Amino acid sequence: MSELQWNRSFALEQAADDEELLQELIDIFKDSSMSDFANLKQSIAKGDPGMGRGSAHSIKGAAASLGFDTIREVTEAMEADCRDGSLTVATEQLPRLEKLLSLLQEM
């Protein structure tokens, strides 16, 4: 789990120190990230960097607000590459992101 580099104290602060709210936000992120990941995979299959950018951006934003630093870093790089019209980074980093999201699901 250390691979996720979760800043739990930051996440709890974002949830106004409400443990129940934090868990709800994490559960929402688990669901939305899997949907966004599926869209990211589809964007790679279709060769559509615009779609990839949107999916990476969505995961990045949620990860950043919940203190999941590694997920944020990976998707930030994917988003930047897609913004430049490329899917190279997304394609290369997709297995890593899948592993990170799998670790997230286990939380």
PDB file of N, CA and C in Angstrom:
ATOM      1  N   MET A   1       0.819  -1.193   0.000  1.00  0.00           N
ATOM      2  CA  MET A   1       0.000   0.000   0.000  1.00  0.00           C
ATOM      3  C   MET A   1       0.862   1.256   0.000  1.00  0.00           C
ATOM      4  N   SER A   2       2.078   1.172   0.450  1.00  0.00           N
ATOM      5  CA  SER A   2       2.946   2.344   0.474  1.00  0.00           C
ATOM      6  C   SER A   2       3.183   2.886  -0.933  1.00  0.00           C
ATOM      7  N   GLU A   3       2.987   2.047  -1.933  1.00  0.00           N
ATOM      8  CA  GLU A   3       3.144   2.488  -3.314  1.00  0.00           C
ATOM      9  C   GLU A   3       2.128   3.594  -3.662  1.00  0.00           C
ATOM     10  N   LEU A   4       1.012   3.602  -2.962  1.00  0.00           N
ATOM     11  CA  LEU A   4       0.005   4.644  -3.193  1.00  0.00           C
ATOM     12  C   LEU A   4       0.459   6.004  -2.682  1.00  0.00           C
ATOM     13  N   GLN A   5       1.352   6.013  -1.722  1.00  0.00           N
ATOM     14  CA  GLN A   5       1.806   7.253  -1.096  1.00  0.00           C
ATOM     15  C   GLN A   5       0.619   8.115  -0.677  1.00  0.00           C
ATOM     16  N   TRP A   6      -0.213   7.538   0.172  1.00  0.00           N
ATOM     17  CA  TRP A   6      -1.408   8.241   0.626  1.00  0.00           C
ATOM     18  C   TRP A   6      -1.087   9.151   1.793  1.00  0.00           C
ATOM     19  N   ASN A   7      -1.386  10.426   1.626  1.00  0.00           N
ATOM     20  CA  ASN A   7      -1.231  11.413   2.684  1.00  0.00           C
ATOM     21  C   ASN A   7      -2.571  11.470   3.424  1.00  0.00           C
ATOM     22  N   ARG A   8      -2.742  10.534   4.345  1.00  0.00           N
ATOM     23  CA  ARG A   8      -4.013  10.395   5.047  1.00  0.00           C
ATOM     24  C   ARG A   8      -4.370  11.641   5.853  1.00  0.00           C
ATOM     25  N   SER A   9      -3.393  12.241   6.492  1.00  0.00           N
ATOM     26  CA  SER A   9      -3.686  13.424   7.309  1.00  0.00           C
ATOM     27  C   SER A   9      -4.203  14.567   6.442  1.00  0.00           C
ATOM     28  N   PHE A  10      -3.640  14.728   5.230  1.00  0.00           N
ATOM     29  CA  PHE A  10      -4.139  15.740   4.300  1.00  0.00           C
ATOM     30  C   PHE A  10      -5.583  15.426   3.899  1.00  0.00           C
ATOM     31  N   ALA A  11      -5.832  14.158   3.574  1.00  0.00           N
ATOM     32  CA  ALA A  11      -7.176  13.750   3.158  1.00  0.00           C
ATOM     33  C   ALA A  11      -8.185  13.980   4.274  1.00  0.00           C
ATOM     34  N   LEU A  12      -7.804  13.642   5.480  1.00  0.00           N
ATOM     35  CA  LEU A  12      -8.702  13.845   6.616  1.00  0.00           C
ATOM     36  C   LEU A  12      -8.970  15.333   6.840  1.00  0.00           C
ATOM     37  N   GLU A  13      -7.960  16.135   6.659  1.00  0.00           N
ATOM     38  CA  GLU A  13      -8.130  17.582   6.771  1.00  0.00           C
ATOM     39  C   GLU A  13      -9.123  18.089   5.725  1.00  0.00           C
ATOM     40  N   GLN A  14      -9.022  17.552   4.493  1.00  0.00           N
ATOM     41  CA  GLN A  14      -9.939  17.943   3.427  1.00  0.00           C
ATOM     42  C   GLN A  14     -11.383  17.548   3.745  1.00  0.00           C
ATOM     43  N   ALA A  15     -11.536  16.505   4.570  1.00  0.00           N
ATOM     44  CA  ALA A  15     -12.862  16.032   4.971  1.00  0.00           C
ATOM     45  C   ALA A  15     -13.283  16.617   6.321  1.00  0.00           C
ATOM     46  N   ALA A  16     -12.667  17.730   6.697  1.00  0.00           N
ATOM     47  CA  ALA A  16     -13.000  18.436   7.936  1.00  0.00           C
ATOM     48  C   ALA A  16     -12.869  17.519   9.154  1.00  0.00           C
ATOM     49  N   ASP A  17     -11.854  16.648   9.124  1.00  0.00           N
ATOM     50  CA  ASP A  17     -11.588  15.704  10.215  1.00  0.00           C
ATOM     51  C   ASP A  17     -12.754  14.769  10.505  1.00  0.00           C
ATOM     52  N   ASP A  18     -13.559  14.522   9.495  1.00  0.00           N
ATOM     53  CA  ASP A  18     -14.711  13.634   9.621  1.00  0.00           C
ATOM     54  C   ASP A  18     -14.364  12.292   8.956  1.00  0.00           C
ATOM     55  N   GLU A  19     -14.083  11.295   9.803  1.00  0.00           N
ATOM     56  CA  GLU A  19     -13.668   9.972   9.300  1.00  0.00           C
ATOM     57  C   GLU A  19     -14.732   9.349   8.383  1.00  0.00           C
ATOM     58  N   GLU A  20     -15.972   9.500   8.753  1.00  0.00           N
ATOM     59  CA  GLU A  20     -17.066   8.918   7.961  1.00  0.00           C
ATOM     60  C   GLU A  20     -17.140   9.580   6.575  1.00  0.00           C
ATOM     61  N   LEU A  21     -17.023  10.884   6.553  1.00  0.00           N
ATOM     62  CA  LEU A  21     -17.035  11.607   5.287  1.00  0.00           C
ATOM     63  C   LEU A  21     -15.840  11.203   4.435  1.00  0.00           C
ATOM     64  N   LEU A  22     -14.676  11.072   5.047  1.00  0.00           N
ATOM     65  CA  LEU A  22     -13.490  10.662   4.308  1.00  0.00           C
ATOM     66  C   LEU A  22     -13.716   9.308   3.649  1.00  0.00           C
ATOM     67  N   GLN A  23     -14.285   8.365   4.388  1.00  0.00           N
ATOM     68  CA  GLN A  23     -14.535   7.044   3.812  1.00  0.00           C
ATOM     69  C   GLN A  23     -15.525   7.131   2.657  1.00  0.00           C
ATOM     70  N   GLU A  24     -16.540   7.964   2.789  1.00  0.00           N
ATOM     71  CA  GLU A  24     -17.500   8.153   1.693  1.00  0.00           C
ATOM     72  C   GLU A  24     -16.809   8.713   0.456  1.00  0.00           C
ATOM     73  N   LEU A  25     -15.931   9.690   0.653  1.00  0.00           N
ATOM     74  CA  LEU A  25     -15.203  10.288  -0.474  1.00  0.00           C
ATOM     75  C   LEU A  25     -14.282   9.269  -1.140  1.00  0.00           C
ATOM     76  N   ILE A  26     -13.639   8.450  -0.344  1.00  0.00           N
ATOM     77  CA  ILE A  26     -12.775   7.404  -0.902  1.00  0.00           C
ATOM     78  C   ILE A  26     -13.605   6.400  -1.692  1.00  0.00           C
ATOM     79  N   ASP A  27     -14.757   6.018  -1.158  1.00  0.00           N
ATOM     80  CA  ASP A  27     -15.633   5.079  -1.867  1.00  0.00           C
ATOM     81  C   ASP A  27     -16.095   5.657  -3.204  1.00  0.00           C
ATOM     82  N   ILE A  28     -16.423   6.932  -3.213  1.00  0.00           N
ATOM     83  CA  ILE A  28     -16.823   7.594  -4.462  1.00  0.00           C
ATOM     84  C   ILE A  28     -15.658   7.596  -5.444  1.00  0.00           C
ATOM     85  N   PHE A  29     -14.465   7.893  -4.936  1.00  0.00           N
ATOM     86  CA  PHE A  29     -13.275   7.900  -5.789  1.00  0.00           C
ATOM     87  C   PHE A  29     -12.998   6.510  -6.350  1.00  0.00           C
ATOM     88  N   LYS A  30     -13.177   5.490  -5.542  1.00  0.00           N
ATOM     89  CA  LYS A  30     -12.982   4.115  -6.027  1.00  0.00           C
ATOM     90  C   LYS A  30     -13.876   3.849  -7.231  1.00  0.00           C
ATOM     91  N   ASP A  31     -15.141   4.208  -7.118  1.00  0.00           N
ATOM     92  CA  ASP A  31     -16.090   3.977  -8.216  1.00  0.00           C
ATOM     93  C   ASP A  31     -15.764   4.829  -9.438  1.00  0.00           C
ATOM     94  N   SER A  32     -15.558   6.107  -9.222  1.00  0.00           N
ATOM     95  CA  SER A  32     -15.338   7.004 -10.358  1.00  0.00           C
ATOM     96  C   SER A  32     -14.012   6.722 -11.054  1.00  0.00           C
ATOM     97  N   SER A  33     -12.996   6.346 -10.288  1.00  0.00           N
ATOM     98  CA  SER A  33     -11.696   6.087 -10.905  1.00  0.00           C
ATOM     99  C   SER A  33     -11.743   4.855 -11.799  1.00  0.00           C
ATOM    100  N   MET A  34     -12.535   3.875 -11.440  1.00  0.00           N
ATOM    101  CA  MET A  34     -12.636   2.682 -12.285  1.00  0.00           C
ATOM    102  C   MET A  34     -13.348   3.017 -13.594  1.00  0.00           C
ATOM    103  N   SER A  35     -14.347   3.846 -13.530  1.00  0.00           N
ATOM    104  CA  SER A  35     -15.045   4.292 -14.732  1.00  0.00           C
ATOM    105  C   SER A  35     -14.114   5.133 -15.611  1.00  0.00           C
ATOM    106  N   ASP A  36     -13.399   6.057 -14.985  1.00  0.00           N
ATOM    107  CA  ASP A  36     -12.454   6.894 -15.728  1.00  0.00           C
ATOM    108  C   ASP A  36     -11.313   6.064 -16.307  1.00  0.00           C
ATOM    109  N   PHE A  37     -10.880   5.041 -15.575  1.00  0.00           N
ATOM    110  CA  PHE A  37      -9.822   4.164 -16.070  1.00  0.00           C
ATOM    111  C   PHE A  37     -10.306   3.417 -17.316  1.00  0.00           C
ATOM    112  N   ALA A  38     -11.545   2.939 -17.276  1.00  0.00           N
ATOM    113  CA  ALA A  38     -12.108   2.251 -18.446  1.00  0.00           C
ATOM    114  C   ALA A  38     -12.151   3.196 -19.646  1.00  0.00           C
ATOM    115  N   ASN A  39     -12.528   4.445 -19.404  1.00  0.00           N
ATOM    116  CA  ASN A  39     -12.550   5.443 -20.484  1.00  0.00           C
ATOM    117  C   ASN A  39     -11.141   5.737 -21.003  1.00  0.00           C
ATOM    118  N   LEU A  40     -10.178   5.750 -20.108  1.00  0.00           N
ATOM    119  CA  LEU A  40      -8.789   5.973 -20.503  1.00  0.00           C
ATOM    120  C   LEU A  40      -8.296   4.834 -21.392  1.00  0.00           C
ATOM    121  N   LYS A  41      -8.609   3.612 -21.015  1.00  0.00           N
ATOM    122  CA  LYS A  41      -8.247   2.452 -21.840  1.00  0.00           C
ATOM    123  C   LYS A  41      -8.906   2.550 -23.217  1.00  0.00           C
ATOM    124  N   GLN A  42     -10.158   2.965 -23.215  1.00  0.00           N
ATOM    125  CA  GLN A  42     -10.889   3.101 -24.475  1.00  0.00           C
ATOM    126  C   GLN A  42     -10.270   4.206 -25.336  1.00  0.00           C
ATOM    127  N   SER A  43      -9.836   5.274 -24.718  1.00  0.00           N
ATOM    128  CA  SER A  43      -9.225   6.369 -25.487  1.00  0.00           C
ATOM    129  C   SER A  43      -7.930   5.906 -26.149  1.00  0.00           C
ATOM    130  N   ILE A  44      -7.184   5.061 -25.470  1.00  0.00           N
ATOM    131  CA  ILE A  44      -5.956   4.515 -26.041  1.00  0.00           C
ATOM    132  C   ILE A  44      -6.305   3.602 -27.217  1.00  0.00           C
ATOM    133  N   ALA A  45      -7.297   2.754 -27.026  1.00  0.00           N
ATOM    134  CA  ALA A  45      -7.718   1.838 -28.095  1.00  0.00           C
ATOM    135  C   ALA A  45      -8.207   2.603 -29.328  1.00  0.00           C
ATOM    136  N   LYS A  46      -8.879   3.723 -29.098  1.00  0.00           N
ATOM    137  CA  LYS A  46      -9.414   4.527 -30.201  1.00  0.00           C
ATOM    138  C   LYS A  46      -8.399   5.523 -30.752  1.00  0.00           C
ATOM    139  N   GLY A  47      -7.284   5.704 -30.034  1.00  0.00           N
ATOM    140  CA  GLY A  47      -6.300   6.710 -30.446  1.00  0.00           C
ATOM    141  C   GLY A  47      -6.819   8.121 -30.259  1.00  0.00           C
ATOM    142  N   ASP A  48      -7.554   8.352 -29.164  1.00  0.00           N
ATOM    143  CA  ASP A  48      -8.208   9.636 -28.908  1.00  0.00           C
ATOM    144  C   ASP A  48      -7.596  10.325 -27.677  1.00  0.00           C
ATOM    145  N   PRO A  49      -6.558  11.166 -27.880  1.00  0.00           N
ATOM    146  CA  PRO A  49      -5.930  11.825 -26.737  1.00  0.00           C
ATOM    147  C   PRO A  49      -6.855  12.794 -26.004  1.00  0.00           C
ATOM    148  N   GLY A  50      -7.824  13.367 -26.694  1.00  0.00           N
ATOM    149  CA  GLY A  50      -8.757  14.282 -26.032  1.00  0.00           C
ATOM    150  C   GLY A  50      -9.568  13.573 -24.961  1.00  0.00           C
ATOM    151  N   MET A  51     -10.056  12.400 -25.301  1.00  0.00           N
ATOM    152  CA  MET A  51     -10.804  11.599 -24.338  1.00  0.00           C
ATOM    153  C   MET A  51      -9.880  11.153 -23.202  1.00  0.00           C
ATOM    154  N   GLY A  52      -8.666  10.785 -23.548  1.00  0.00           N
ATOM    155  CA  GLY A  52      -7.693  10.372 -22.538  1.00  0.00           C
ATOM    156  C   GLY A  52      -7.370  11.491 -21.574  1.00  0.00           C
ATOM    157  N   ARG A  53      -7.236  12.700 -22.100  1.00  0.00           N
ATOM    158  CA  ARG A  53      -6.937  13.856 -21.260  1.00  0.00           C
ATOM    159  C   ARG A  53      -8.029  14.072 -20.226  1.00  0.00           C
ATOM    160  N   GLY A  54      -9.275  14.002 -20.664  1.00  0.00           N
ATOM    161  CA  GLY A  54     -10.392  14.201 -19.738  1.00  0.00           C
ATOM    162  C   GLY A  54     -10.442  13.147 -18.638  1.00  0.00           C
ATOM    163  N   SER A  55     -10.203  11.905 -19.012  1.00  0.00           N
ATOM    164  CA  SER A  55     -10.227  10.817 -18.028  1.00  0.00           C
ATOM    165  C   SER A  55      -9.069  10.938 -17.049  1.00  0.00           C
ATOM    166  N   ALA A  56      -7.882  11.227 -17.562  1.00  0.00           N
ATOM    167  CA  ALA A  56      -6.711  11.391 -16.690  1.00  0.00           C
ATOM    168  C   ALA A  56      -6.913  12.591 -15.753  1.00  0.00           C
ATOM    169  N   HIS A  57      -7.480  13.660 -16.286  1.00  0.00           N
ATOM    170  CA  HIS A  57      -7.732  14.859 -15.485  1.00  0.00           C
ATOM    171  C   HIS A  57      -8.689  14.555 -14.334  1.00  0.00           C
ATOM    172  N   SER A  58      -9.721  13.805 -14.613  1.00  0.00           N
ATOM    173  CA  SER A  58     -10.703  13.463 -13.596  1.00  0.00           C
ATOM    174  C   SER A  58     -10.079  12.650 -12.459  1.00  0.00           C
ATOM    175  N   ILE A  59      -9.298  11.633 -12.817  1.00  0.00           N
ATOM    176  CA  ILE A  59      -8.632  10.820 -11.799  1.00  0.00           C
ATOM    177  C   ILE A  59      -7.635  11.672 -11.021  1.00  0.00           C
ATOM    178  N   LYS A  60      -6.871  12.492 -11.738  1.00  0.00           N
ATOM    179  CA  LYS A  60      -5.862  13.351 -11.107  1.00  0.00           C
ATOM    180  C   LYS A  60      -6.486  14.264 -10.061  1.00  0.00           C
ATOM    181  N   GLY A  61      -7.566  14.912 -10.404  1.00  0.00           N
ATOM    182  CA  GLY A  61      -8.201  15.852  -9.487  1.00  0.00           C
ATOM    183  C   GLY A  61      -8.696  15.195  -8.217  1.00  0.00           C
ATOM    184  N   ALA A  62      -9.354  14.056  -8.372  1.00  0.00           N
ATOM    185  CA  ALA A  62      -9.854  13.350  -7.191  1.00  0.00           C
ATOM    186  C   ALA A  62      -8.697  12.829  -6.342  1.00  0.00           C
ATOM    187  N   ALA A  63      -7.678  12.292  -7.002  1.00  0.00           N
ATOM    188  CA  ALA A  63      -6.511  11.780  -6.265  1.00  0.00           C
ATOM    189  C   ALA A  63      -5.825  12.906  -5.495  1.00  0.00           C
ATOM    190  N   ALA A  64      -5.693  14.060  -6.119  1.00  0.00           N
ATOM    191  CA  ALA A  64      -5.045  15.202  -5.467  1.00  0.00           C
ATOM    192  C   ALA A  64      -5.832  15.654  -4.247  1.00  0.00           C
ATOM    193  N   SER A  65      -7.149  15.701  -4.366  1.00  0.00           N
ATOM    194  CA  SER A  65      -7.955  16.185  -3.246  1.00  0.00           C
ATOM    195  C   SER A  65      -7.996  15.201  -2.085  1.00  0.00           C
ATOM    196  N   LEU A  66      -7.679  13.928  -2.369  1.00  0.00           N
ATOM    197  CA  LEU A  66      -7.687  12.913  -1.310  1.00  0.00           C
ATOM    198  C   LEU A  66      -6.284  12.484  -0.885  1.00  0.00           C
ATOM    199  N   GLY A  67      -5.267  13.157  -1.401  1.00  0.00           N
ATOM    200  CA  GLY A  67      -3.910  12.893  -0.955  1.00  0.00           C
ATOM    201  C   GLY A  67      -3.265  11.630  -1.500  1.00  0.00           C
ATOM    202  N   PHE A  68      -3.770  11.108  -2.624  1.00  0.00           N
ATOM    203  CA  PHE A  68      -3.155   9.939  -3.257  1.00  0.00           C
ATOM    204  C   PHE A  68      -2.109  10.440  -4.254  1.00  0.00           C
ATOM    205  N   ASP A  69      -0.917  10.707  -3.733  1.00  0.00           N
ATOM    206  CA  ASP A  69       0.113  11.407  -4.490  1.00  0.00           C
ATOM    207  C   ASP A  69       0.627  10.645  -5.703  1.00  0.00           C
ATOM    208  N   THR A  70       0.821   9.350  -5.603  1.00  0.00           N
ATOM    209  CA  THR A  70       1.350   8.595  -6.739  1.00  0.00           C
ATOM    210  C   THR A  70       0.340   8.560  -7.880  1.00  0.00           C
ATOM    211  N   ILE A  71      -0.917   8.337  -7.557  1.00  0.00           N
ATOM    212  CA  ILE A  71      -1.952   8.340  -8.591  1.00  0.00           C
ATOM    213  C   ILE A  71      -2.010   9.709  -9.255  1.00  0.00           C
ATOM    214  N   ARG A  72      -1.927  10.756  -8.450  1.00  0.00           N
ATOM    215  CA  ARG A  72      -1.934  12.117  -8.999  1.00  0.00           C
ATOM    216  C   ARG A  72      -0.765  12.330  -9.937  1.00  0.00           C
ATOM    217  N   GLU A  73       0.420  11.918  -9.537  1.00  0.00           N
ATOM    218  CA  GLU A  73       1.612  12.125 -10.363  1.00  0.00           C
ATOM    219  C   GLU A  73       1.500  11.381 -11.705  1.00  0.00           C
ATOM    220  N   VAL A  74       1.061  10.139 -11.654  1.00  0.00           N
ATOM    221  CA  VAL A  74       0.941   9.335 -12.877  1.00  0.00           C
ATOM    222  C   VAL A  74      -0.088   9.954 -13.826  1.00  0.00           C
ATOM    223  N   THR A  75      -1.241  10.308 -13.305  1.00  0.00           N
ATOM    224  CA  THR A  75      -2.292  10.849 -14.171  1.00  0.00           C
ATOM    225  C   THR A  75      -1.978  12.270 -14.633  1.00  0.00           C
ATOM    226  N   GLU A  76      -1.220  12.997 -13.844  1.00  0.00           N
ATOM    227  CA  GLU A  76      -0.790  14.335 -14.265  1.00  0.00           C
ATOM    228  C   GLU A  76       0.105  14.228 -15.506  1.00  0.00           C
ATOM    229  N   ALA A  77       1.011  13.262 -15.494  1.00  0.00           N
ATOM    230  CA  ALA A  77       1.886  13.042 -16.660  1.00  0.00           C
ATOM    231  C   ALA A  77       1.080  12.573 -17.866  1.00  0.00           C
ATOM    232  N   MET A  78       0.109  11.708 -17.625  1.00  0.00           N
ATOM    233  CA  MET A  78      -0.753  11.236 -18.716  1.00  0.00           C
ATOM    234  C   MET A  78      -1.536  12.397 -19.331  1.00  0.00           C
ATOM    235  N   GLU A  79      -2.117  13.210 -18.463  1.00  0.00           N
ATOM    236  CA  GLU A  79      -2.913  14.341 -18.928  1.00  0.00           C
ATOM    237  C   GLU A  79      -2.073  15.307 -19.765  1.00  0.00           C
ATOM    238  N   ALA A  80      -0.883  15.615 -19.286  1.00  0.00           N
ATOM    239  CA  ALA A  80      -0.012  16.546 -20.014  1.00  0.00           C
ATOM    240  C   ALA A  80       0.342  16.009 -21.397  1.00  0.00           C
ATOM    241  N   ASP A  81       0.646  14.728 -21.478  1.00  0.00           N
ATOM    242  CA  ASP A  81       0.986  14.115 -22.755  1.00  0.00           C
ATOM    243  C   ASP A  81      -0.221  14.119 -23.702  1.00  0.00           C
ATOM    244  N   CYS A  82      -1.379  13.793 -23.170  1.00  0.00           N
ATOM    245  CA  CYS A  82      -2.601  13.811 -23.992  1.00  0.00           C
ATOM    246  C   CYS A  82      -2.905  15.221 -24.480  1.00  0.00           C
ATOM    247  N   ARG A  83      -2.657  16.207 -23.631  1.00  0.00           N
ATOM    248  CA  ARG A  83      -2.885  17.600 -24.013  1.00  0.00           C
ATOM    249  C   ARG A  83      -2.017  17.967 -25.216  1.00  0.00           C
ATOM    250  N   ASP A  84      -0.845  17.336 -25.301  1.00  0.00           N
ATOM    251  CA  ASP A  84       0.056  17.559 -26.435  1.00  0.00           C
ATOM    252  C   ASP A  84      -0.313  16.705 -27.643  1.00  0.00           C
ATOM    253  N   GLY A  85      -1.427  15.991 -27.549  1.00  0.00           N
ATOM    254  CA  GLY A  85      -1.898  15.194 -28.680  1.00  0.00           C
ATOM    255  C   GLY A  85      -1.287  13.808 -28.774  1.00  0.00           C
ATOM    256  N   SER A  86      -0.686  13.351 -27.702  1.00  0.00           N
ATOM    257  CA  SER A  86      -0.026  12.046 -27.695  1.00  0.00           C
ATOM    258  C   SER A  86      -0.669  11.126 -26.654  1.00  0.00           C
ATOM    259  N   LEU A  87      -0.580   9.839 -26.922  1.00  0.00           N
ATOM    260  CA  LEU A  87      -1.034   8.840 -25.961  1.00  0.00           C
ATOM    261  C   LEU A  87       0.133   7.967 -25.481  1.00  0.00           C
ATOM    262  N   THR A  88       1.342   8.393 -25.757  1.00  0.00           N
ATOM    263  CA  THR A  88       2.521   7.595 -25.419  1.00  0.00           C
ATOM    264  C   THR A  88       2.629   7.356 -23.918  1.00  0.00           C
ATOM    265  N   VAL A  89       2.555   8.412 -23.128  1.00  0.00           N
ATOM    266  CA  VAL A  89       2.683   8.277 -21.673  1.00  0.00           C
ATOM    267  C   VAL A  89       1.504   7.493 -21.112  1.00  0.00           C
ATOM    268  N   ALA A  90       0.306   7.771 -21.602  1.00  0.00           N
ATOM    269  CA  ALA A  90      -0.869   7.032 -21.124  1.00  0.00           C
ATOM    270  C   ALA A  90      -0.713   5.544 -21.396  1.00  0.00           C
ATOM    271  N   THR A  91      -0.240   5.210 -22.574  1.00  0.00           N
ATOM    272  CA  THR A  91      -0.049   3.806 -22.935  1.00  0.00           C
ATOM    273  C   THR A  91       1.021   3.162 -22.047  1.00  0.00           C
ATOM    274  N   GLU A  92       2.116   3.871 -21.847  1.00  0.00           N
ATOM    275  CA  GLU A  92       3.212   3.339 -21.028  1.00  0.00           C
ATOM    276  C   GLU A  92       2.828   3.205 -19.555  1.00  0.00           C
ATOM    277  N   GLN A  93       2.073   4.156 -19.050  1.00  0.00           N
ATOM    278  CA  GLN A  93       1.754   4.195 -17.624  1.00  0.00           C
ATOM    279  C   GLN A  93       0.452   3.484 -17.257  1.00  0.00           C
ATOM    280  N   LEU A  94      -0.292   3.028 -18.250  1.00  0.00           N
ATOM    281  CA  LEU A  94      -1.572   2.381 -17.974  1.00  0.00           C
ATOM    282  C   LEU A  94      -1.441   1.193 -17.018  1.00  0.00           C
ATOM    283  N   PRO A  95      -0.473   0.283 -17.208  1.00  0.00           N
ATOM    284  CA  PRO A  95      -0.352  -0.834 -16.262  1.00  0.00           C
ATOM    285  C   PRO A  95      -0.045  -0.375 -14.831  1.00  0.00           C
ATOM    286  N   ARG A  96       0.777   0.650 -14.707  1.00  0.00           N
ATOM    287  CA  ARG A  96       1.095   1.178 -13.370  1.00  0.00           C
ATOM    288  C   ARG A  96      -0.146   1.775 -12.722  1.00  0.00           C
ATOM    289  N   LEU A  97      -0.897   2.549 -13.494  1.00  0.00           N
ATOM    290  CA  LEU A  97      -2.121   3.143 -12.965  1.00  0.00           C
ATOM    291  C   LEU A  97      -3.108   2.049 -12.567  1.00  0.00           C
ATOM    292  N   GLU A  98      -3.208   1.025 -13.379  1.00  0.00           N
ATOM    293  CA  GLU A  98      -4.119  -0.086 -13.062  1.00  0.00           C
ATOM    294  C   GLU A  98      -3.730  -0.724 -11.726  1.00  0.00           C
ATOM    295  N   LYS A  99      -2.444  -0.910 -11.502  1.00  0.00           N
ATOM    296  CA  LYS A  99      -1.979  -1.486 -10.239  1.00  0.00           C
ATOM    297  C   LYS A  99      -2.304  -0.570  -9.066  1.00  0.00           C
ATOM    298  N   LEU A 100      -2.061   0.724  -9.241  1.00  0.00           N
ATOM    299  CA  LEU A 100      -2.356   1.682  -8.176  1.00  0.00           C
ATOM    300  C   LEU A 100      -3.844   1.707  -7.851  1.00  0.00           C
ATOM    301  N   LEU A 101      -4.671   1.687  -8.872  1.00  0.00           N
ATOM    302  CA  LEU A 101      -6.120   1.698  -8.638  1.00  0.00           C
ATOM    303  C   LEU A 101      -6.585   0.397  -8.008  1.00  0.00           C
ATOM    304  N   SER A 102      -5.901  -0.689  -8.324  1.00  0.00           N
ATOM    305  CA  SER A 102      -6.203  -1.969  -7.679  1.00  0.00           C
ATOM    306  C   SER A 102      -5.880  -1.903  -6.181  1.00  0.00           C
ATOM    307  N   LEU A 103      -4.753  -1.296  -5.855  1.00  0.00           N
ATOM    308  CA  LEU A 103      -4.396  -1.095  -4.438  1.00  0.00           C
ATOM    309  C   LEU A 103      -5.422  -0.207  -3.744  1.00  0.00           C
ATOM    310  N   LEU A 104      -5.880   0.802  -4.441  1.00  0.00           N
ATOM    311  CA  LEU A 104      -6.918   1.680  -3.897  1.00  0.00           C
ATOM    312  C   LEU A 104      -8.180   0.881  -3.591  1.00  0.00           C
ATOM    313  N   GLN A 105      -8.567  -0.004  -4.500  1.00  0.00           N
ATOM    314  CA  GLN A 105      -9.783  -0.807  -4.305  1.00  0.00           C
ATOM    315  C   GLN A 105      -9.678  -1.699  -3.071  1.00  0.00           C
ATOM    316  N   GLU A 106      -8.463  -2.083  -2.706  1.00  0.00           N
ATOM    317  CA  GLU A 106      -8.247  -2.956  -1.552  1.00  0.00           C
ATOM    318  C   GLU A 106      -8.331  -2.226  -0.216  1.00  0.00           C
ATOM    319  N   MET A 107      -8.359  -0.914  -0.259  1.00  0.00           N
ATOM    320  CA  MET A 107      -8.413  -0.130   0.985  1.00  0.00           C
ATOM    321  C   MET A 107      -9.752  -0.302   1.687  1.00  0.00           C
TER     322      MET A 107
END
